C-alpha atoms as a PDB file:
ATOM      1  CA  MET A   1       0.000   0.000   0.000  1.00  0.00           C
ATOM      2  CA  LYS A   2       2.835   2.357   0.864  1.00  0.00           C
ATOM      3  CA  LYS A   3       4.429   1.675  -2.488  1.00  0.00           C
ATOM      4  CA  VAL A   4       1.210   2.590  -4.279  1.00  0.00           C
ATOM      5  CA  PHE A   5       0.951   5.803  -2.278  1.00  0.00           C
ATOM      6  CA  VAL A   6       4.554   6.726  -3.080  1.00  0.00           C
ATOM      7  CA  MET A   7       3.957   6.009  -6.776  1.00  0.00           C
ATOM      8  CA  VAL A   8       0.904   8.262  -6.788  1.00  0.00           C
ATOM      9  CA  VAL A   9       2.783  11.094  -5.089  1.00  0.00           C
ATOM     10  CA  LEU A  10       5.818  10.821  -7.335  1.00  0.00           C
ATOM     11  CA  PHE A  11       4.178  10.283 -10.697  1.00  0.00           C
ATOM     12  CA  ILE A  12       0.448  10.963 -10.747  1.00  0.00           C
ATOM     13  CA  LEU A  13       0.159  14.171  -8.737  1.00  0.00           C
ATOM     14  CA  PRO A  14       2.725  16.136 -10.799  1.00  0.00           C
ATOM     15  CA  ILE A  15       0.850  15.213 -13.981  1.00  0.00           C
ATOM     16  CA  VAL A  16      -2.506  16.212 -12.497  1.00  0.00           C
ATOM     17  CA  ALA A  17      -1.059  19.500 -11.270  1.00  0.00           C
ATOM     18  CA  TYR A  18       0.439  20.259 -14.675  1.00  0.00           C
ATOM     19  CA  LEU A  19      -2.834  19.556 -16.480  1.00  0.00           C
ATOM     20  CA  PHE A  20      -4.737  21.686 -13.977  1.00  0.00           C
ATOM     21  CA  PHE A  21      -2.538  24.741 -14.373  1.00  0.00           C
ATOM     22  CA  ALA A  22      -2.144  24.309 -18.137  1.00  0.00           C
ATOM     23  CA  SER A  23      -5.874  24.057 -18.668  1.00  0.00           C
ATOM     24  CA  GLY A  24      -6.427  27.012 -16.350  1.00  0.00           C
ATOM     25  CA  VAL A  25      -4.360  29.307 -18.579  1.00  0.00           C
ATOM     26  CA  HIS A  26      -6.197  28.351 -21.711  1.00  0.00           C
ATOM     27  CA  ASN A  27      -9.711  27.958 -20.314  1.00  0.00           C
ATOM     28  CA  PHE A  28      -9.851  31.231 -18.425  1.00  0.00           C
ATOM     29  CA  GLY A  29      -7.408  33.420 -20.341  1.00  0.00           C
ATOM     30  CA  ARG A  30      -8.525  35.682 -23.150  1.00  0.00           C
ATOM     31  CA  LEU A  31      -6.246  37.243 -25.720  1.00  0.00           C
ATOM     32  CA  PRO A  32      -6.628  41.053 -25.723  1.00  0.00           C
ATOM     33  CA  THR A  33      -7.828  42.930 -28.805  1.00  0.00           C
ATOM     34  CA  LEU A  34      -5.222  45.500 -29.870  1.00  0.00           C
ATOM     35  CA  THR A  35      -6.641  46.740 -33.188  1.00  0.00           C
ATOM     36  CA  LYS A  36     -10.311  46.439 -34.077  1.00  0.00           C
ATOM     37  CA  SER A  37     -11.733  45.790 -37.545  1.00  0.00           C
ATOM     38  CA  VAL A  38      -8.623  45.171 -39.618  1.00  0.00           C
ATOM     39  CA  SER A  39      -9.457  45.773 -43.288  1.00  0.00           C
ATOM     40  CA  GLU A  40     -10.536  42.863 -45.419  1.00  0.00           C
ATOM     41  CA  LEU A  41      -8.240  41.860 -48.293  1.00  0.00           C
ATOM     42  CA  THR A  42     -10.679  42.878 -51.004  1.00  0.00           C
ATOM     43  CA  ALA A  43      -8.473  45.764 -52.181  1.00  0.00           C
ATOM     44  CA  ILE A  44      -5.790  43.185 -52.989  1.00  0.00           C
ATOM     45  CA  THR A  45      -7.632  39.936 -53.697  1.00  0.00           C
ATOM     46  CA  THR A  46     -11.139  38.498 -53.600  1.00  0.00           C
ATOM     47  CA  ASP A  47      -9.949  34.905 -53.301  1.00  0.00           C
ATOM     48  CA  ILE A  48      -8.910  35.006 -49.636  1.00  0.00           C
ATOM     49  CA  ARG A  49     -10.883  36.359 -46.692  1.00  0.00           C
ATOM     50  CA  LEU A  50      -9.925  37.235 -43.139  1.00  0.00           C
ATOM     51  CA  GLU A  51     -13.528  37.277 -41.952  1.00  0.00           C
ATOM     52  CA  ASP A  52     -14.607  34.021 -40.252  1.00  0.00           C
ATOM     53  CA  ASN A  53     -11.027  32.718 -40.112  1.00  0.00           C
ATOM     54  CA  ILE A  54      -8.320  32.722 -37.491  1.00  0.00           C
ATOM     55  CA  THR A  55      -5.424  34.112 -39.498  1.00  0.00           C
ATOM     56  CA  ILE A  56      -1.693  34.244 -38.967  1.00  0.00           C
ATOM     57  CA  LEU A  57      -0.728  37.244 -41.090  1.00  0.00           C
ATOM     58  CA  GLY A  58       2.795  37.838 -42.380  1.00  0.00           C
ATOM     59  CA  PHE A  59       4.765  40.021 -44.795  1.00  0.00           C
ATOM     60  CA  LEU A  60       7.679  38.318 -46.576  1.00  0.00           C
ATOM     61  CA  GLY A  61       8.782  41.236 -48.741  1.00  0.00           C
ATOM     62  CA  HIS A  62      11.286  41.002 -51.564  1.00  0.00           C
ATOM     63  CA  GLN A  63      14.108  38.444 -51.536  1.00  0.00           C
ATOM     64  CA  VAL A  64      11.848  35.673 -50.328  1.00  0.00           C
ATOM     65  CA  GLU A  65      14.680  33.166 -50.488  1.00  0.00           C
ATOM     66  CA  LEU A  66      16.411  35.024 -47.632  1.00  0.00           C
ATOM     67  CA  LYS A  67      13.316  34.601 -45.421  1.00  0.00           C
ATOM     68  CA  LYS A  68      13.070  30.819 -45.736  1.00  0.00           C
ATOM     69  CA  GLY A  69      14.371  30.319 -42.209  1.00  0.00           C
ATOM     70  CA  ASN A  70      11.540  32.456 -40.839  1.00  0.00           C
ATOM     71  CA  ALA A  71       8.974  30.510 -42.846  1.00  0.00           C
ATOM     72  CA  PHE A  72      10.381  27.163 -41.713  1.00  0.00           C
ATOM     73  CA  ASN A  73      10.343  28.275 -38.056  1.00  0.00           C
ATOM     74  CA  LEU A  74       6.733  29.333 -38.378  1.00  0.00           C
ATOM     75  CA  ASN A  75       5.801  26.136 -40.199  1.00  0.00           C
ATOM     76  CA  GLN A  76       7.331  23.853 -37.593  1.00  0.00           C
ATOM     77  CA  LYS A  77       6.346  25.705 -34.431  1.00  0.00           C
ATOM     78  CA  ILE A  78       2.875  27.061 -35.280  1.00  0.00           C
ATOM     79  CA  TYR A  79       1.494  25.739 -38.557  1.00  0.00           C
ATOM     80  CA  LYS A  80       2.064  22.013 -38.045  1.00  0.00           C
ATOM     81  CA  PRO A  81       0.537  21.815 -34.533  1.00  0.00           C
ATOM     82  CA  PHE A  82      -2.577  23.838 -35.430  1.00  0.00           C
ATOM     83  CA  HIS A  83      -3.259  23.634 -39.181  1.00  0.00           C
ATOM     84  CA  GLU A  84      -5.973  20.997 -38.798  1.00  0.00           C
ATOM     85  CA  PHE A  85      -8.200  23.434 -36.914  1.00  0.00           C
ATOM     86  CA  LYS A  86     -11.105  24.068 -39.293  1.00  0.00           C
ATOM     87  CA  ASP A  87     -10.960  27.852 -39.706  1.00  0.00           C
ATOM     88  CA  PHE A  88      -7.223  28.361 -39.257  1.00  0.00           C
ATOM     89  CA  GLN A  89      -5.086  29.840 -42.053  1.00  0.00           C
ATOM     90  CA  PHE A  90      -1.759  31.495 -42.808  1.00  0.00           C
ATOM     91  CA  VAL A  91      -1.950  34.551 -45.073  1.00  0.00           C
ATOM     92  CA  ILE A  92       1.399  35.863 -46.310  1.00  0.00           C
ATOM     93  CA  ILE A  93       1.472  39.106 -48.293  1.00  0.00           C
ATOM     94  CA  VAL A  94       4.267  39.331 -50.846  1.00  0.00           C
ATOM     95  CA  PRO A  95       5.225  41.976 -53.437  1.00  0.00           C
ATOM     96  CA  LEU A  96       4.376  41.329 -57.073  1.00  0.00           C
ATOM     97  CA  GLY A  97       7.346  39.869 -58.904  1.00  0.00           C
ATOM     98  CA  GLU A  98       8.127  37.297 -56.198  1.00  0.00           C
ATOM     99  CA  GLU A  99       5.878  34.592 -57.646  1.00  0.00           C
ATOM    100  CA  ALA A 100       8.696  32.241 -58.668  1.00  0.00           C
ATOM    101  CA  ALA A 101      10.443  32.578 -55.306  1.00  0.00           C
ATOM    102  CA  VAL A 102       7.197  31.873 -53.470  1.00  0.00           C
ATOM    103  CA  GLU A 103       6.575  28.795 -55.604  1.00  0.00           C
ATOM    104  CA  ALA A 104      10.024  27.496 -54.688  1.00  0.00           C
ATOM    105  CA  LEU A 105       9.319  28.163 -50.999  1.00  0.00           C
ATOM    106  CA  LYS A 106       5.986  26.354 -51.208  1.00  0.00           C
ATOM    107  CA  ASN A 107       7.673  23.327 -52.747  1.00  0.00           C
ATOM    108  CA  GLU A 108      10.123  23.183 -49.849  1.00  0.00           C
ATOM    109  CA  LEU A 109       7.398  23.646 -47.243  1.00  0.00           C
ATOM    110  CA  ALA A 110       5.347  20.903 -48.901  1.00  0.00           C
ATOM    111  CA  ASN A 111       8.105  18.443 -48.020  1.00  0.00           C
ATOM    112  CA  LEU A 112       7.430  19.175 -44.345  1.00  0.00           C
ATOM    113  CA  ALA A 113       3.633  19.443 -44.118  1.00  0.00           C
ATOM    114  CA  ASP A 114       0.359  19.723 -46.010  1.00  0.00           C
ATOM    115  CA  ILE A 115       0.505  23.398 -46.993  1.00  0.00           C
ATOM    116  CA  LYS A 116      -3.044  23.935 -48.256  1.00  0.00           C
ATOM    117  CA  LYS A 117      -3.623  26.507 -45.504  1.00  0.00           C
ATOM    118  CA  TRP A 118      -0.529  28.527 -46.415  1.00  0.00           C
ATOM    119  CA  LYS A 119      -2.034  31.252 -48.623  1.00  0.00           C
ATOM    120  CA  PHE A 120       0.129  33.780 -50.446  1.00  0.00           C
ATOM    121  CA  VAL A 121      -1.246  37.126 -51.633  1.00  0.00           C
ATOM    122  CA  PHE A 122       0.662  39.217 -54.192  1.00  0.00           C
ATOM    123  CA  ALA A 123       0.287  42.985 -54.001  1.00  0.00           C
ATOM    124  CA  THR A 124       1.807  46.259 -55.138  1.00  0.00           C
ATOM    125  CA  GLU A 125       4.064  48.293 -52.861  1.00  0.00           C
ATOM    126  CA  PRO A 126       1.357  50.908 -52.088  1.00  0.00           C
ATOM    127  CA  GLN A 127      -1.172  48.156 -51.317  1.00  0.00           C
ATOM    128  CA  ILE A 128       1.216  46.440 -48.914  1.00  0.00           C
ATOM    129  CA  LYS A 129       2.148  49.667 -47.132  1.00  0.00           C
ATOM    130  CA  THR A 130      -1.488  50.740 -46.809  1.00  0.00           C
ATOM    131  CA  PHE A 131      -2.598  47.383 -45.486  1.00  0.00           C
ATOM    132  CA  PHE A 132       0.252  47.186 -42.980  1.00  0.00           C
ATOM    133  CA  THR A 133      -0.325  50.737 -41.705  1.00  0.00           C
ATOM    134  CA  GLN A 134      -3.967  50.061 -40.837  1.00  0.00           C
ATOM    135  CA  LEU A 135      -2.905  47.272 -38.471  1.00  0.00           C
ATOM    136  CA  LYS A 136      -1.870  50.167 -36.176  1.00  0.00           C
ATOM    137  CA  THR A 137       1.075  48.419 -34.553  1.00  0.00           C
ATOM    138  CA  ASP A 138       4.298  49.850 -33.121  1.00  0.00           C
ATOM    139  CA  LEU A 139       6.286  47.924 -35.760  1.00  0.00           C
ATOM    140  CA  ASN A 140       7.518  48.969 -39.199  1.00  0.00           C
ATOM    141  CA  LEU A 141       8.076  47.319 -42.550  1.00  0.00           C
ATOM    142  CA  ALA A 142      11.657  47.135 -43.744  1.00  0.00           C
ATOM    143  CA  SER A 143      12.628  48.808 -47.025  1.00  0.00           C
ATOM    144  CA  ASP A 144      12.001  45.504 -48.835  1.00  0.00           C
ATOM    145  CA  LEU A 145       8.391  45.469 -47.498  1.00  0.00           C
ATOM    146  CA  SER A 146       9.085  42.656 -45.049  1.00  0.00           C
ATOM    147  CA  THR A 147       8.903  42.165 -41.306  1.00  0.00           C
ATOM    148  CA  PRO A 148       9.965  39.120 -39.301  1.00  0.00           C
ATOM    149  CA  TYR A 149       6.831  39.592 -37.177  1.00  0.00           C
ATOM    150  CA  VAL A 150       3.531  37.810 -37.783  1.00  0.00           C
ATOM    151  CA  PHE A 151       0.153  38.818 -36.397  1.00  0.00           C
ATOM    152  CA  VAL A 152      -2.870  36.973 -35.038  1.00  0.00           C
ATOM    153  CA  ILE A 153      -6.157  38.121 -36.578  1.00  0.00           C
ATOM    154  CA  ASP A 154      -9.394  36.679 -35.182  1.00  0.00           C
ATOM    155  CA  LYS A 155     -12.609  35.747 -36.995  1.00  0.00           C
ATOM    156  CA  ASP A 156     -13.985  39.271 -36.571  1.00  0.00           C
ATOM    157  CA  ARG A 157     -10.844  40.761 -38.139  1.00  0.00           C
ATOM    158  CA  ASN A 158      -9.444  42.047 -34.850  1.00  0.00           C
ATOM    159  CA  LEU A 159      -5.698  41.986 -34.245  1.00  0.00           C
ATOM    160  CA  ARG A 160      -5.046  40.111 -31.010  1.00  0.00           C
ATOM    161  CA  GLY A 161      -1.928  40.195 -28.861  1.00  0.00           C
ATOM    162  CA  ARG A 162      -0.637  40.995 -25.381  1.00  0.00           C
ATOM    163  CA  THR A 163      -1.046  44.147 -23.319  1.00  0.00           C
ATOM    164  CA  LYS A 164       1.211  43.074 -20.452  1.00  0.00           C
ATOM    165  CA  ASP A 165       4.060  41.190 -22.070  1.00  0.00           C
ATOM    166  CA  GLU A 166       7.002  40.901 -19.693  1.00  0.00           C
ATOM    167  CA  ASP A 167       9.489  42.010 -22.351  1.00  0.00           C
ATOM    168  CA  VAL A 168       7.794  44.666 -24.487  1.00  0.00           C
ATOM    169  CA  GLY A 169       4.582  45.654 -22.728  1.00  0.00           C
ATOM    170  CA  THR A 170       2.129  45.727 -25.608  1.00  0.00           C
ATOM    171  CA  LYS A 171       2.994  42.889 -27.972  1.00  0.00           C
ATOM    172  CA  TYR A 172       1.435  43.217 -31.424  1.00  0.00           C
ATOM    173  CA  GLY A 173       3.355  40.512 -33.262  1.00  0.00           C
ATOM    174  CA  PHE A 174       5.584  37.472 -32.868  1.00  0.00           C
ATOM    175  CA  ASN A 175       9.135  37.327 -34.171  1.00  0.00           C
ATOM    176  CA  THR A 176       9.607  34.411 -36.573  1.00  0.00           C
ATOM    177  CA  SER A 177      13.382  34.838 -36.286  1.00  0.00           C
ATOM    178  CA  SER A 178      13.119  33.771 -32.646  1.00  0.00           C
ATOM    179  CA  VAL A 179      12.238  30.152 -31.911  1.00  0.00           C
ATOM    180  CA  ALA A 180      11.876  31.175 -28.259  1.00  0.00           C
ATOM    181  CA  ASP A 181       9.225  33.782 -29.142  1.00  0.00           C
ATOM    182  CA  LEU A 182       7.293  31.225 -31.174  1.00  0.00           C
ATOM    183  CA  ASN A 183       7.669  28.481 -28.567  1.00  0.00           C
ATOM    184  CA  ASN A 184       7.169  30.439 -25.378  1.00  0.00           C
ATOM    185  CA  LYS A 185       4.654  33.075 -26.430  1.00  0.00           C
ATOM    186  CA  MET A 186       3.000  32.624 -29.808  1.00  0.00           C
ATOM    187  CA  GLU A 187       2.170  28.964 -29.293  1.00  0.00           C
ATOM    188  CA  ASP A 188       0.423  29.778 -26.017  1.00  0.00           C
ATOM    189  CA  ASP A 189      -1.512  32.671 -27.533  1.00  0.00           C
ATOM    190  CA  VAL A 190      -2.694  30.620 -30.496  1.00  0.00           C
ATOM    191  CA  LYS A 191      -3.892  27.945 -28.055  1.00  0.00           C
ATOM    192  CA  ILE A 192      -5.817  30.594 -26.146  1.00  0.00           C
ATOM    193  CA  ILE A 193      -7.608  32.002 -29.168  1.00  0.00           C
ATOM    194  CA  LEU A 194      -8.475  28.533 -30.461  1.00  0.00           C
ATOM    195  CA  ALA A 195      -9.804  27.640 -27.007  1.00  0.00           C
ATOM    196  CA  GLU A 196     -11.974  30.783 -27.054  1.00  0.00           C
ATOM    197  CA  TYR A 197     -13.718  29.639 -30.194  1.00  0.00           C
ATOM    198  CA  ARG A 198     -14.042  26.043 -29.015  1.00  0.00           C
ATOM    199  CA  MET A 199     -15.709  27.256 -25.819  1.00  0.00           C
ATOM    200  CA  ALA A 200     -17.997  29.597 -27.762  1.00  0.00           C
ATOM    201  CA  LEU A 201     -18.986  26.745 -30.070  1.00  0.00           C
ATOM    202  CA  LYS A 202     -19.755  24.465 -27.122  1.00  0.00           C
ATOM    203  CA  LYS A 203     -21.836  27.208 -25.497  1.00  0.00           C
ATOM    204  CA  ASN A 204     -23.804  27.806 -28.704  1.00  0.00           C
ATOM    205  CA  ASN A 205     -24.483  24.098 -29.062  1.00  0.00           C
ATOM    206  CA  ALA A 206     -25.564  23.863 -25.424  1.00  0.00           C
ATOM    207  CA  ASP A 207     -27.885  26.867 -25.805  1.00  0.00           C
ATOM    208  CA  ARG A 208     -29.613  25.175 -28.695  1.00  0.00           C
END
């Protein structure tokens, strides 16, 4: 009997405690809204919509081949764990003229995962700058129209992030150059927003 008790204390209780605290973060947390009503993509394309989707939004800029590391980080740390969620998508805005480079990137990503939810949008320089500006973040595009940061946009086209991040205060985006940022922060925040919609769906079904 003592052996059983010792086994429970050593092995079972730590697991129960971990599950309790982990579920507490994601069941009761809510990701703050930082920018309301981000513009739809209709000025650039009519084939892809932000509305009714949870979107990871990125800007690859020119010289796509130099950003492959960022794309691979994002693919491994965020896309692969969550891409099977029904309304989840990646939308990457790229300047016109980068079509061949994007096709090469897609071929490489396809060797690692099913990439049907990686969606690339080609736009002019003014379109990209205008769209980025209306996100109303504290970040800037580089001269090649890129940023290593990606953004979480909810189904109502609101930009979600952190208001009390321990490193930067208000955190609008997640740095794809940093595996630590993706692992320690973005992964948690994506879990939270997905949990929000799962809970809302369960509530709606229960109300019916």
